Amino acid sequence: MTGQVRTVDGRVAGRRGQATRQKLLDCLGEMLGSSPYRDVKVIDVARKAGTSPATFYQYFPDVEGAVLEIAEEMAKEGTALTDLVAGRSWAGKAGRQTAEQLVDGFLAFWRKHDAILRVVDLGAAEGDKRFYKIRMKVLNTVAGSLTEAVKDLQKKGRVDADVNPAAMAGSLAMMLASVASHQKGFQGWGVKQAELKPNLAVLVHLGVTGRKPAK
């Protein structure tokens, strides 16, 4: 954790305080990977971090407040997903590679942040606007870049004019998110990760260009 960090009562935390705060977040993140979100208690997080509940409350109002901090950091990292689309070619073999790298990067991001993303999805599904905004921030990063990609191809006459770029891009982003959040489920259908990625890339390429990727 770098930069100025404040405690709940507005004081600026020193280097040691920042380290303690980050340790609490790290421990909470680990616990979310093995325990249901609502079963996680402040005393458990504090104990795992080797500190006290009083220290936890110096930095966060409650567990939910700390979870939102983790989610916001995850969303910031997610902005890098735009690099998998922005400025990339969708022509020929390069287009196939773009689709494959987007799929690979998106699935990898979801696996890395699976625990917090499950909490974000739960909160969003229950109507919590804070979690909904975070979820959309991640998806908009990809959807926005894909929208521009479709628009660019339309200008070049390579995609039908009746295709709505935002609708297509949003649908692809939602599809990626749905598949990414159920990666383990595909194993139950006998689908290996190595088989999932290229097939998903075909769908992405078809959505953006209207054509199958070049072999």
C-alpha atoms as a PDB file:
ATOM      1  CA  MET A   1       0.000   0.000   0.000  1.00  0.00           C
ATOM      2  CA  THR A   2       1.474   3.326  -1.063  1.00  0.00           C
ATOM      3  CA  GLY A   3       0.280   6.915  -0.827  1.00  0.00           C
ATOM      4  CA  GLN A   4      -1.599   8.641   1.964  1.00  0.00           C
ATOM      5  CA  VAL A   5      -3.842   6.360   3.994  1.00  0.00           C
ATOM      6  CA  ARG A   6      -6.211   7.619   6.670  1.00  0.00           C
ATOM      7  CA  THR A   7      -7.750   5.883   9.636  1.00  0.00           C
ATOM      8  CA  VAL A   8     -11.502   5.851  10.198  1.00  0.00           C
ATOM      9  CA  ASP A   9     -11.258   8.961  12.378  1.00  0.00           C
ATOM     10  CA  GLY A  10      -9.312  10.864   9.698  1.00  0.00           C
ATOM     11  CA  ARG A  11      -5.739  10.556  10.964  1.00  0.00           C
ATOM     12  CA  VAL A  12      -2.973   9.921   8.430  1.00  0.00           C
ATOM     13  CA  ALA A  13      -1.505   6.466   8.938  1.00  0.00           C
ATOM     14  CA  GLY A  14       2.255   6.122   9.073  1.00  0.00           C
ATOM     15  CA  ARG A  15       4.305   3.478   7.313  1.00  0.00           C
ATOM     16  CA  ARG A  16       3.677   0.939  10.061  1.00  0.00           C
ATOM     17  CA  GLY A  17      -0.040   1.694  10.065  1.00  0.00           C
ATOM     18  CA  GLN A  18      -0.208   1.271   6.293  1.00  0.00           C
ATOM     19  CA  ALA A  19       1.532  -2.080   6.572  1.00  0.00           C
ATOM     20  CA  THR A  20      -0.925  -3.211   9.252  1.00  0.00           C
ATOM     21  CA  ARG A  21      -3.872  -2.077   7.152  1.00  0.00           C
ATOM     22  CA  GLN A  22      -2.586  -3.942   4.121  1.00  0.00           C
ATOM     23  CA  LYS A  23      -1.981  -7.073   6.176  1.00  0.00           C
ATOM     24  CA  LEU A  24      -5.579  -6.973   7.362  1.00  0.00           C
ATOM     25  CA  LEU A  25      -6.756  -6.697   3.754  1.00  0.00           C
ATOM     26  CA  ASP A  26      -4.492  -9.544   2.661  1.00  0.00           C
ATOM     27  CA  CYS A  27      -5.736 -11.795   5.442  1.00  0.00           C
ATOM     28  CA  LEU A  28      -9.347 -10.943   4.669  1.00  0.00           C
ATOM     29  CA  GLY A  29      -8.734 -11.714   1.008  1.00  0.00           C
ATOM     30  CA  GLU A  30      -7.356 -15.140   1.916  1.00  0.00           C
ATOM     31  CA  MET A  31     -10.329 -15.866   4.160  1.00  0.00           C
ATOM     32  CA  LEU A  32     -12.807 -14.986   1.417  1.00  0.00           C
ATOM     33  CA  GLY A  33     -11.273 -17.772  -0.635  1.00  0.00           C
ATOM     34  CA  SER A  34     -12.191 -20.426   1.934  1.00  0.00           C
ATOM     35  CA  SER A  35     -15.127 -19.039   3.925  1.00  0.00           C
ATOM     36  CA  PRO A  36     -18.567 -17.664   2.960  1.00  0.00           C
ATOM     37  CA  TYR A  37     -18.432 -13.860   2.900  1.00  0.00           C
ATOM     38  CA  ARG A  38     -20.979 -13.357   5.683  1.00  0.00           C
ATOM     39  CA  ASP A  39     -19.289 -15.905   7.948  1.00  0.00           C
ATOM     40  CA  VAL A  40     -16.119 -13.806   8.139  1.00  0.00           C
ATOM     41  CA  LYS A  41     -15.918 -11.872  11.418  1.00  0.00           C
ATOM     42  CA  VAL A  42     -13.712  -8.957  12.412  1.00  0.00           C
ATOM     43  CA  ILE A  43     -12.191 -10.911  15.293  1.00  0.00           C
ATOM     44  CA  ASP A  44     -11.183 -13.716  12.919  1.00  0.00           C
ATOM     45  CA  VAL A  45      -9.528 -11.338  10.466  1.00  0.00           C
ATOM     46  CA  ALA A  46      -7.696  -9.557  13.279  1.00  0.00           C
ATOM     47  CA  ARG A  47      -6.513 -12.832  14.803  1.00  0.00           C
ATOM     48  CA  LYS A  48      -5.226 -14.073  11.435  1.00  0.00           C
ATOM     49  CA  ALA A  49      -3.356 -10.790  10.956  1.00  0.00           C
ATOM     50  CA  GLY A  50      -1.850 -11.038  14.439  1.00  0.00           C
ATOM     51  CA  THR A  51      -3.584  -7.938  15.754  1.00  0.00           C
ATOM     52  CA  SER A  52      -6.772  -6.926  17.575  1.00  0.00           C
ATOM     53  CA  PRO A  53     -10.329  -6.034  16.545  1.00  0.00           C
ATOM     54  CA  ALA A  54      -9.664  -2.536  17.883  1.00  0.00           C
ATOM     55  CA  THR A  55      -6.851  -2.160  15.353  1.00  0.00           C
ATOM     56  CA  PHE A  56      -9.116  -3.417  12.564  1.00  0.00           C
ATOM     57  CA  TYR A  57     -11.697  -0.760  13.432  1.00  0.00           C
ATOM     58  CA  GLN A  58      -9.030   1.936  13.198  1.00  0.00           C
ATOM     59  CA  TYR A  59      -8.928   1.348   9.433  1.00  0.00           C
ATOM     60  CA  PHE A  60     -12.318  -0.087   8.467  1.00  0.00           C
ATOM     61  CA  PRO A  61     -15.874   0.435   9.765  1.00  0.00           C
ATOM     62  CA  ASP A  62     -16.683  -3.273   9.374  1.00  0.00           C
ATOM     63  CA  VAL A  63     -15.870  -6.341   7.276  1.00  0.00           C
ATOM     64  CA  GLU A  64     -18.006  -5.080   4.392  1.00  0.00           C
ATOM     65  CA  GLY A  65     -16.046  -1.831   4.317  1.00  0.00           C
ATOM     66  CA  ALA A  66     -12.785  -3.764   4.042  1.00  0.00           C
ATOM     67  CA  VAL A  67     -14.254  -6.023   1.353  1.00  0.00           C
ATOM     68  CA  LEU A  68     -15.166  -2.949  -0.691  1.00  0.00           C
ATOM     69  CA  GLU A  69     -11.560  -1.751  -0.390  1.00  0.00           C
ATOM     70  CA  ILE A  70     -10.322  -5.063  -1.812  1.00  0.00           C
ATOM     71  CA  ALA A  71     -12.934  -4.892  -4.574  1.00  0.00           C
ATOM     72  CA  GLU A  72     -11.922  -1.353  -5.551  1.00  0.00           C
ATOM     73  CA  GLU A  73      -8.264  -2.377  -5.811  1.00  0.00           C
ATOM     74  CA  MET A  74      -9.275  -5.343  -7.947  1.00  0.00           C
ATOM     75  CA  ALA A  75     -11.274  -3.073 -10.244  1.00  0.00           C
ATOM     76  CA  LYS A  76      -8.295  -0.740 -10.647  1.00  0.00           C
ATOM     77  CA  GLU A  77      -6.157  -3.683 -11.707  1.00  0.00           C
ATOM     78  CA  GLY A  78      -8.905  -4.675 -14.110  1.00  0.00           C
ATOM     79  CA  THR A  79      -8.440  -1.477 -16.131  1.00  0.00           C
ATOM     80  CA  ALA A  80      -5.379  -3.146 -17.647  1.00  0.00           C
ATOM     81  CA  LEU A  81      -7.718  -5.524 -19.495  1.00  0.00           C
ATOM     82  CA  THR A  82      -8.331  -2.775 -22.032  1.00  0.00           C
ATOM     83  CA  ASP A  83      -4.774  -3.307 -23.293  1.00  0.00           C
ATOM     84  CA  LEU A  84      -5.873  -6.717 -24.574  1.00  0.00           C
ATOM     85  CA  VAL A  85      -8.193  -5.013 -27.075  1.00  0.00           C
ATOM     86  CA  ALA A  86      -7.271  -1.369 -27.619  1.00  0.00           C
ATOM     87  CA  GLY A  87      -5.223  -0.825 -30.763  1.00  0.00           C
ATOM     88  CA  ARG A  88      -5.140  -4.547 -31.610  1.00  0.00           C
ATOM     89  CA  SER A  89      -5.753  -5.904 -35.091  1.00  0.00           C
ATOM     90  CA  TRP A  90      -8.773  -8.085 -35.857  1.00  0.00           C
ATOM     91  CA  ALA A  91      -7.600  -9.023 -39.354  1.00  0.00           C
ATOM     92  CA  GLY A  92      -6.333 -12.453 -40.384  1.00  0.00           C
ATOM     93  CA  LYS A  93      -4.165 -14.428 -37.996  1.00  0.00           C
ATOM     94  CA  ALA A  94      -3.580 -11.290 -35.926  1.00  0.00           C
ATOM     95  CA  GLY A  95      -7.317 -11.132 -35.272  1.00  0.00           C
ATOM     96  CA  ARG A  96      -7.354 -14.697 -34.049  1.00  0.00           C
ATOM     97  CA  GLN A  97      -4.448 -13.905 -31.749  1.00  0.00           C
ATOM     98  CA  THR A  98      -6.250 -10.831 -30.400  1.00  0.00           C
ATOM     99  CA  ALA A  99      -9.327 -12.901 -29.549  1.00  0.00           C
ATOM    100  CA  GLU A 100      -7.235 -15.635 -27.938  1.00  0.00           C
ATOM    101  CA  GLN A 101      -5.211 -13.185 -25.841  1.00  0.00           C
ATOM    102  CA  LEU A 102      -8.362 -11.410 -24.677  1.00  0.00           C
ATOM    103  CA  VAL A 103      -9.923 -14.697 -23.593  1.00  0.00           C
ATOM    104  CA  ASP A 104      -6.737 -15.894 -21.923  1.00  0.00           C
ATOM    105  CA  GLY A 105      -6.191 -12.606 -20.086  1.00  0.00           C
ATOM    106  CA  PHE A 106      -9.818 -12.292 -18.994  1.00  0.00           C
ATOM    107  CA  LEU A 107     -10.020 -15.839 -17.641  1.00  0.00           C
ATOM    108  CA  ALA A 108      -6.681 -15.435 -15.864  1.00  0.00           C
ATOM    109  CA  PHE A 109      -7.846 -12.171 -14.240  1.00  0.00           C
ATOM    110  CA  TRP A 110     -11.047 -13.859 -13.041  1.00  0.00           C
ATOM    111  CA  ARG A 111      -9.152 -16.830 -11.602  1.00  0.00           C
ATOM    112  CA  LYS A 112      -6.747 -14.540  -9.761  1.00  0.00           C
ATOM    113  CA  HIS A 113      -9.581 -12.536  -8.181  1.00  0.00           C
ATOM    114  CA  ASP A 114     -12.180 -15.301  -7.993  1.00  0.00           C
ATOM    115  CA  ALA A 115     -12.898 -14.908  -4.269  1.00  0.00           C
ATOM    116  CA  ILE A 116     -13.570 -11.167  -4.294  1.00  0.00           C
ATOM    117  CA  LEU A 117     -15.421 -11.327  -7.622  1.00  0.00           C
ATOM    118  CA  ARG A 118     -17.831 -13.882  -6.146  1.00  0.00           C
ATOM    119  CA  VAL A 119     -18.565 -11.449  -3.327  1.00  0.00           C
ATOM    120  CA  VAL A 120     -18.987  -8.589  -5.802  1.00  0.00           C
ATOM    121  CA  ASP A 121     -21.384 -10.652  -7.916  1.00  0.00           C
ATOM    122  CA  LEU A 122     -23.381 -11.592  -4.815  1.00  0.00           C
ATOM    123  CA  GLY A 123     -23.653  -7.989  -3.675  1.00  0.00           C
ATOM    124  CA  ALA A 124     -24.600  -6.807  -7.160  1.00  0.00           C
ATOM    125  CA  ALA A 125     -27.248  -9.537  -7.492  1.00  0.00           C
ATOM    126  CA  GLU A 126     -28.762  -8.440  -4.173  1.00  0.00           C
ATOM    127  CA  GLY A 127     -29.088  -4.883  -5.454  1.00  0.00           C
ATOM    128  CA  ASP A 128     -26.166  -3.272  -3.612  1.00  0.00           C
ATOM    129  CA  LYS A 129     -25.237  -0.368  -5.898  1.00  0.00           C
ATOM    130  CA  ARG A 130     -21.685  -0.193  -4.531  1.00  0.00           C
ATOM    131  CA  PHE A 131     -20.901  -3.724  -5.645  1.00  0.00           C
ATOM    132  CA  TYR A 132     -22.825  -3.239  -8.890  1.00  0.00           C
ATOM    133  CA  LYS A 133     -20.701  -0.214  -9.814  1.00  0.00           C
ATOM    134  CA  ILE A 134     -17.499  -2.152  -9.137  1.00  0.00           C
ATOM    135  CA  ARG A 135     -18.673  -5.083 -11.265  1.00  0.00           C
ATOM    136  CA  MET A 136     -19.604  -2.770 -14.133  1.00  0.00           C
ATOM    137  CA  LYS A 137     -16.289  -0.940 -13.833  1.00  0.00           C
ATOM    138  CA  VAL A 138     -14.490  -4.200 -14.630  1.00  0.00           C
ATOM    139  CA  LEU A 139     -16.852  -5.172 -17.445  1.00  0.00           C
ATOM    140  CA  ASN A 140     -16.910  -1.667 -18.948  1.00  0.00           C
ATOM    141  CA  THR A 141     -13.149  -1.817 -19.376  1.00  0.00           C
ATOM    142  CA  VAL A 142     -13.540  -4.658 -21.868  1.00  0.00           C
ATOM    143  CA  ALA A 143     -16.923  -3.632 -23.285  1.00  0.00           C
ATOM    144  CA  GLY A 144     -15.707  -0.114 -24.045  1.00  0.00           C
ATOM    145  CA  SER A 145     -12.657  -1.341 -25.935  1.00  0.00           C
ATOM    146  CA  LEU A 146     -14.675  -3.919 -27.870  1.00  0.00           C
ATOM    147  CA  THR A 147     -17.229  -1.248 -28.787  1.00  0.00           C
ATOM    148  CA  GLU A 148     -14.485   0.866 -30.346  1.00  0.00           C
ATOM    149  CA  ALA A 149     -13.117  -2.189 -32.162  1.00  0.00           C
ATOM    150  CA  VAL A 150     -16.502  -2.925 -33.757  1.00  0.00           C
ATOM    151  CA  LYS A 151     -16.984   0.745 -34.687  1.00  0.00           C
ATOM    152  CA  ASP A 152     -13.573   0.818 -36.333  1.00  0.00           C
ATOM    153  CA  LEU A 153     -14.363  -2.286 -38.378  1.00  0.00           C
ATOM    154  CA  GLN A 154     -17.679  -0.745 -39.436  1.00  0.00           C
ATOM    155  CA  LYS A 155     -15.879   2.367 -40.711  1.00  0.00           C
ATOM    156  CA  LYS A 156     -13.668   0.106 -42.785  1.00  0.00           C
ATOM    157  CA  GLY A 157     -16.721  -1.671 -44.191  1.00  0.00           C
ATOM    158  CA  ARG A 158     -15.754  -4.988 -42.602  1.00  0.00           C
ATOM    159  CA  VAL A 159     -18.736  -5.233 -40.226  1.00  0.00           C
ATOM    160  CA  ASP A 160     -22.397  -4.747 -41.182  1.00  0.00           C
ATOM    161  CA  ALA A 161     -23.742  -1.293 -40.414  1.00  0.00           C
ATOM    162  CA  ASP A 162     -26.832  -2.746 -38.715  1.00  0.00           C
ATOM    163  CA  VAL A 163     -24.698  -4.215 -35.916  1.00  0.00           C
ATOM    164  CA  ASN A 164     -24.976  -2.163 -32.728  1.00  0.00           C
ATOM    165  CA  PRO A 165     -21.375  -1.904 -31.428  1.00  0.00           C
ATOM    166  CA  ALA A 166     -22.312  -1.301 -27.778  1.00  0.00           C
ATOM    167  CA  ALA A 167     -24.881  -4.098 -27.736  1.00  0.00           C
ATOM    168  CA  MET A 168     -22.452  -6.570 -29.299  1.00  0.00           C
ATOM    169  CA  ALA A 169     -19.556  -5.524 -27.053  1.00  0.00           C
ATOM    170  CA  GLY A 170     -21.690  -5.623 -23.909  1.00  0.00           C
ATOM    171  CA  SER A 171     -22.976  -9.079 -24.789  1.00  0.00           C
ATOM    172  CA  LEU A 172     -19.440 -10.362 -25.330  1.00  0.00           C
ATOM    173  CA  ALA A 173     -18.237  -8.863 -22.037  1.00  0.00           C
ATOM    174  CA  MET A 174     -21.138 -10.465 -20.170  1.00  0.00           C
ATOM    175  CA  MET A 175     -20.462 -13.789 -21.878  1.00  0.00           C
ATOM    176  CA  LEU A 176     -16.808 -13.661 -20.863  1.00  0.00           C
ATOM    177  CA  ALA A 177     -17.738 -12.839 -17.276  1.00  0.00           C
ATOM    178  CA  SER A 178     -20.285 -15.651 -17.091  1.00  0.00           C
ATOM    179  CA  VAL A 179     -17.878 -18.226 -18.489  1.00  0.00           C
ATOM    180  CA  ALA A 180     -15.030 -16.941 -16.321  1.00  0.00           C
ATOM    181  CA  SER A 181     -17.103 -17.255 -13.144  1.00  0.00           C
ATOM    182  CA  HIS A 182     -18.006 -20.860 -13.988  1.00  0.00           C
ATOM    183  CA  GLN A 183     -14.633 -22.150 -15.166  1.00  0.00           C
ATOM    184  CA  LYS A 184     -14.684 -25.034 -12.715  1.00  0.00           C
ATOM    185  CA  GLY A 185     -18.165 -25.987 -13.856  1.00  0.00           C
ATOM    186  CA  PHE A 186     -16.937 -26.762 -17.351  1.00  0.00           C
ATOM    187  CA  GLN A 187     -14.789 -29.523 -15.917  1.00  0.00           C
ATOM    188  CA  GLY A 188     -17.981 -31.249 -14.809  1.00  0.00           C
ATOM    189  CA  TRP A 189     -19.017 -31.298 -18.463  1.00  0.00           C
ATOM    190  CA  GLY A 190     -15.724 -32.856 -19.444  1.00  0.00           C
ATOM    191  CA  VAL A 191     -14.379 -29.605 -20.921  1.00  0.00           C
ATOM    192  CA  LYS A 192     -10.717 -28.947 -20.190  1.00  0.00           C
ATOM    193  CA  GLN A 193      -9.324 -25.427 -19.817  1.00  0.00           C
ATOM    194  CA  ALA A 194      -7.187 -25.958 -22.922  1.00  0.00           C
ATOM    195  CA  GLU A 195     -10.355 -26.758 -24.893  1.00  0.00           C
ATOM    196  CA  LEU A 196     -12.442 -23.939 -23.443  1.00  0.00           C
ATOM    197  CA  LYS A 197     -10.161 -21.069 -24.431  1.00  0.00           C
ATOM    198  CA  PRO A 198      -9.990 -21.578 -28.223  1.00  0.00           C
ATOM    199  CA  ASN A 199     -13.736 -22.176 -28.497  1.00  0.00           C
ATOM    200  CA  LEU A 200     -14.490 -19.052 -26.480  1.00  0.00           C
ATOM    201  CA  ALA A 201     -12.047 -17.123 -28.675  1.00  0.00           C
ATOM    202  CA  VAL A 202     -13.993 -18.216 -31.757  1.00  0.00           C
ATOM    203  CA  LEU A 203     -17.192 -16.754 -30.283  1.00  0.00           C
ATOM    204  CA  VAL A 204     -15.447 -13.472 -29.424  1.00  0.00           C
ATOM    205  CA  HIS A 205     -13.961 -13.196 -32.909  1.00  0.00           C
ATOM    206  CA  LEU A 206     -17.326 -13.965 -34.512  1.00  0.00           C
ATOM    207  CA  GLY A 207     -19.008 -11.327 -32.363  1.00  0.00           C
ATOM    208  CA  VAL A 208     -16.513  -8.591 -33.187  1.00  0.00           C
ATOM    209  CA  THR A 209     -15.887  -9.322 -36.870  1.00  0.00           C
ATOM    210  CA  GLY A 210     -18.828 -11.455 -37.979  1.00  0.00           C
ATOM    211  CA  ARG A 211     -16.340 -14.020 -39.241  1.00  0.00           C
ATOM    212  CA  LYS A 212     -14.556 -17.103 -38.016  1.00  0.00           C
ATOM    213  CA  PRO A 213     -10.911 -16.476 -37.078  1.00  0.00           C
ATOM    214  CA  ALA A 214      -8.252 -17.351 -39.637  1.00  0.00           C
ATOM    215  CA  LYS A 215      -6.412 -20.632 -39.105  1.00  0.00           C
END
